[in-house]
Structure formats: C-alpha cells, structure tokens
C-alpha cells in the first residue's frame, strides 16, 4: 500500500505551533545550506578530478600516437633504403650471372690472366 507524501512530511516537527519560531529553526536551515554547500563542493571536486584524469589520458594517448608515428616513419625510411639496396644488388646479380660478369670475376680473383700481359 502506498502513501501520498504531503508538505507536512517535510515540515520540521519540533513541538511548536505554526507561526511560532523554534530556536533551532535557523540552525536547521543553516545545516541544510551547509549540506548543500558540501554537496556542491564535492561535485565540483569530483568533476575536476574526472576532467584532470581524462585530460591526462588524452595527453598520454597523443604522446603514444606521436611515438608510434615516429617509429612508423623510421621503419618506412629503412624499408625504402633496403628496397634501393635490393635493386642495386639485383642489378649486380644480373651482371655477375652474365658471361661477361663471370669473366670479370675470374680476372679479378686471379683465376684467369689477361692475354696481353
């Protein structure tokens, strides 16, 4: 069974009739304002902590992304230099696989002597 909540449920019942002022009435109001101030302060602190935490996570991620981008650039440069070296070595391989290349190697290593000398 549900009961309707009325305004009387929220009124302080301290034994005084309506219109009479209780000595604790201003204290109760001050306490509620103090509670409100505490709640507002706590929520502001929580919001600030959340903001700082999220900001630090973002900064960390940006730094991490920058580090990985530098690594990627370095690897791409190494790949391009190795590709150039591979092309050069491929041309050398074709040269040394030809008859003239084999003859040149044989002369260079001393297996064959030059005919004019």
Foldseek 3Di string as FASTA:
>chain_A
DDDDDDVVVVDDPDPDDPPDDDPCPVVVVVVVVVVVVVVVVVVVVVVVVVVVVVVVVVVVVVVVVVVVVVVVVVVVVVVVVVVVVVVVVVVVVVQCVDPNNVVVVCPVVVVDDDPVD
